[in-house]
Amino acid sequence: MTKEEIQEFKETIKKTIIPIVQNMTEEQIRNIIEIVEKEHTNLPKGFGEMLYEQIIVMKYKQ
């Protein structure tokens, strides 16, 4: 990914996912990501873990 794509990805997480996960536990977040990964087998390997890490960093950064 380019720097611009990474920044856009982070902005998308901040705008769409963070408001939803603010009141969720880390376990709940991980469970949802696992469900999405199972339903979307075309996602790149490691995408869910990377997404989880970004969500946790952004959630506690605010």
N, C-alpha and C. Protein backbone atom coordinates (compact mmCIF):
# COMPACT_ATOMS: atom_id res chain seq x y z
N MET A 1 0.84 -1.18 0.00
CA MET A 1 0.00 0.00 0.00
C MET A 1 0.88 1.24 0.00
N THR A 2 0.42 2.25 -0.69
CA THR A 2 1.14 3.52 -0.69
C THR A 2 0.82 4.27 0.60
N LYS A 3 1.58 5.31 0.87
CA LYS A 3 1.33 6.12 2.07
C LYS A 3 -0.06 6.73 2.03
N GLU A 4 -0.48 7.13 0.85
CA GLU A 4 -1.81 7.73 0.70
C GLU A 4 -2.90 6.70 0.99
N GLU A 5 -2.71 5.49 0.49
CA GLU A 5 -3.69 4.42 0.73
C GLU A 5 -3.77 4.06 2.20
N ILE A 6 -2.63 4.03 2.86
CA ILE A 6 -2.59 3.74 4.29
C ILE A 6 -3.33 4.82 5.06
N GLN A 7 -3.08 6.07 4.72
CA GLN A 7 -3.76 7.18 5.40
C GLN A 7 -5.26 7.13 5.16
N GLU A 8 -5.67 6.83 3.95
CA GLU A 8 -7.09 6.72 3.64
C GLU A 8 -7.73 5.57 4.41
N PHE A 9 -7.03 4.45 4.52
CA PHE A 9 -7.51 3.30 5.28
C PHE A 9 -7.71 3.67 6.74
N LYS A 10 -6.75 4.37 7.32
CA LYS A 10 -6.85 4.79 8.73
C LYS A 10 -8.01 5.76 8.93
N GLU A 11 -8.19 6.67 7.99
CA GLU A 11 -9.30 7.63 8.09
C GLU A 11 -10.65 6.91 8.02
N THR A 12 -10.73 5.90 7.16
CA THR A 12 -11.97 5.11 7.04
C THR A 12 -12.26 4.40 8.35
N ILE A 13 -11.24 3.82 8.96
CA ILE A 13 -11.42 3.15 10.26
C ILE A 13 -11.91 4.17 11.29
N LYS A 14 -11.26 5.32 11.32
CA LYS A 14 -11.60 6.35 12.30
C LYS A 14 -13.05 6.82 12.16
N LYS A 15 -13.49 6.99 10.92
CA LYS A 15 -14.84 7.52 10.68
C LYS A 15 -15.94 6.47 10.81
N THR A 16 -15.66 5.23 10.41
CA THR A 16 -16.73 4.24 10.33
C THR A 16 -16.71 3.19 11.43
N ILE A 17 -15.55 2.80 11.89
CA ILE A 17 -15.47 1.68 12.83
C ILE A 17 -15.33 2.16 14.28
N ILE A 18 -14.48 3.14 14.52
CA ILE A 18 -14.21 3.59 15.89
C ILE A 18 -15.48 4.02 16.63
N PRO A 19 -16.39 4.78 16.01
CA PRO A 19 -17.61 5.13 16.75
C PRO A 19 -18.41 3.91 17.21
N ILE A 20 -18.34 2.83 16.47
CA ILE A 20 -19.08 1.62 16.81
C ILE A 20 -18.39 0.84 17.93
N VAL A 21 -17.07 0.76 17.89
CA VAL A 21 -16.35 -0.09 18.84
C VAL A 21 -15.98 0.60 20.15
N GLN A 22 -16.27 1.89 20.26
CA GLN A 22 -15.91 2.61 21.47
C GLN A 22 -16.39 1.94 22.75
N ASN A 23 -17.57 1.34 22.71
CA ASN A 23 -18.13 0.73 23.92
C ASN A 23 -18.06 -0.79 23.88
N MET A 24 -17.21 -1.33 23.03
CA MET A 24 -17.06 -2.79 22.93
C MET A 24 -15.77 -3.22 23.61
N THR A 25 -15.76 -4.46 24.08
CA THR A 25 -14.53 -5.01 24.64
C THR A 25 -13.62 -5.47 23.51
N GLU A 26 -12.36 -5.69 23.84
CA GLU A 26 -11.40 -6.18 22.84
C GLU A 26 -11.83 -7.55 22.32
N GLU A 27 -12.38 -8.36 23.20
CA GLU A 27 -12.85 -9.69 22.79
C GLU A 27 -14.01 -9.59 21.79
N GLN A 28 -14.93 -8.68 22.04
CA GLN A 28 -16.05 -8.49 21.11
C GLN A 28 -15.55 -8.03 19.74
N ILE A 29 -14.59 -7.12 19.75
CA ILE A 29 -14.03 -6.64 18.48
C ILE A 29 -13.37 -7.78 17.73
N ARG A 30 -12.57 -8.57 18.43
CA ARG A 30 -11.87 -9.69 17.80
C ARG A 30 -12.87 -10.70 17.25
N ASN A 31 -13.93 -10.98 17.97
CA ASN A 31 -14.94 -11.93 17.51
C ASN A 31 -15.62 -11.46 16.22
N ILE A 32 -15.93 -10.19 16.14
CA ILE A 32 -16.55 -9.66 14.93
C ILE A 32 -15.60 -9.77 13.74
N ILE A 33 -14.34 -9.44 13.96
CA ILE A 33 -13.36 -9.54 12.88
C ILE A 33 -13.22 -10.98 12.41
N GLU A 34 -13.21 -11.93 13.34
CA GLU A 34 -13.12 -13.35 12.97
C GLU A 34 -14.32 -13.79 12.14
N ILE A 35 -15.49 -13.33 12.51
CA ILE A 35 -16.70 -13.67 11.75
C ILE A 35 -16.60 -13.11 10.32
N VAL A 36 -16.18 -11.87 10.21
CA VAL A 36 -16.04 -11.24 8.89
C VAL A 36 -15.01 -11.99 8.05
N GLU A 37 -13.90 -12.38 8.67
CA GLU A 37 -12.87 -13.13 7.92
C GLU A 37 -13.41 -14.46 7.41
N LYS A 38 -14.21 -15.14 8.23
CA LYS A 38 -14.77 -16.43 7.81
C LYS A 38 -15.75 -16.24 6.66
N GLU A 39 -16.51 -15.16 6.67
CA GLU A 39 -17.50 -14.91 5.63
C GLU A 39 -16.88 -14.35 4.35
N HIS A 40 -15.69 -13.79 4.45
CA HIS A 40 -15.02 -13.18 3.29
C HIS A 40 -13.64 -13.82 3.12
N THR A 41 -13.63 -15.00 2.56
CA THR A 41 -12.39 -15.76 2.42
C THR A 41 -11.41 -15.12 1.43
N ASN A 42 -11.85 -14.12 0.69
CA ASN A 42 -10.97 -13.46 -0.27
C ASN A 42 -10.10 -12.37 0.36
N LEU A 43 -10.28 -12.10 1.65
CA LEU A 43 -9.44 -11.11 2.32
C LEU A 43 -8.01 -11.64 2.41
N PRO A 44 -7.03 -10.77 2.30
CA PRO A 44 -5.63 -11.21 2.38
C PRO A 44 -5.32 -11.80 3.76
N LYS A 45 -4.44 -12.78 3.77
CA LYS A 45 -4.02 -13.39 5.04
C LYS A 45 -3.40 -12.31 5.93
N GLY A 46 -3.80 -12.28 7.17
CA GLY A 46 -3.29 -11.30 8.12
C GLY A 46 -4.07 -10.00 8.16
N PHE A 47 -5.04 -9.83 7.29
CA PHE A 47 -5.80 -8.59 7.25
C PHE A 47 -6.55 -8.35 8.56
N GLY A 48 -7.18 -9.39 9.08
CA GLY A 48 -7.96 -9.25 10.31
C GLY A 48 -7.10 -8.83 11.49
N GLU A 49 -5.92 -9.41 11.61
CA GLU A 49 -5.03 -9.06 12.71
C GLU A 49 -4.55 -7.61 12.57
N MET A 50 -4.23 -7.21 11.36
CA MET A 50 -3.80 -5.84 11.11
C MET A 50 -4.93 -4.85 11.42
N LEU A 51 -6.14 -5.21 11.02
CA LEU A 51 -7.29 -4.36 11.29
C LEU A 51 -7.53 -4.26 12.79
N TYR A 52 -7.46 -5.39 13.48
CA TYR A 52 -7.66 -5.40 14.93
C TYR A 52 -6.64 -4.48 15.62
N GLU A 53 -5.38 -4.59 15.23
CA GLU A 53 -4.34 -3.76 15.83
C GLU A 53 -4.62 -2.27 15.61
N GLN A 54 -5.02 -1.92 14.39
CA GLN A 54 -5.32 -0.52 14.09
C GLN A 54 -6.50 -0.02 14.92
N ILE A 55 -7.52 -0.85 15.04
CA ILE A 55 -8.70 -0.47 15.82
C ILE A 55 -8.34 -0.24 17.26
N ILE A 56 -7.58 -1.15 17.84
CA ILE A 56 -7.20 -1.02 19.26
C ILE A 56 -6.36 0.23 19.49
N VAL A 57 -5.39 0.47 18.62
CA VAL A 57 -4.56 1.67 18.75
C VAL A 57 -5.42 2.93 18.69
N MET A 58 -6.31 2.99 17.71
CA MET A 58 -7.13 4.18 17.55
C MET A 58 -8.16 4.32 18.67
N LYS A 59 -8.70 3.21 19.12
CA LYS A 59 -9.70 3.25 20.19
C LYS A 59 -9.12 3.85 21.46
N TYR A 60 -7.94 3.43 21.84
CA TYR A 60 -7.35 3.90 23.09
C TYR A 60 -6.57 5.20 22.94
N LYS A 61 -6.32 5.60 21.73
CA LYS A 61 -5.61 6.84 21.45
C LYS A 61 -6.52 8.04 21.69
N GLN A 62 -7.80 7.87 21.48
CA GLN A 62 -8.75 8.99 21.60
C GLN A 62 -9.00 9.36 23.03
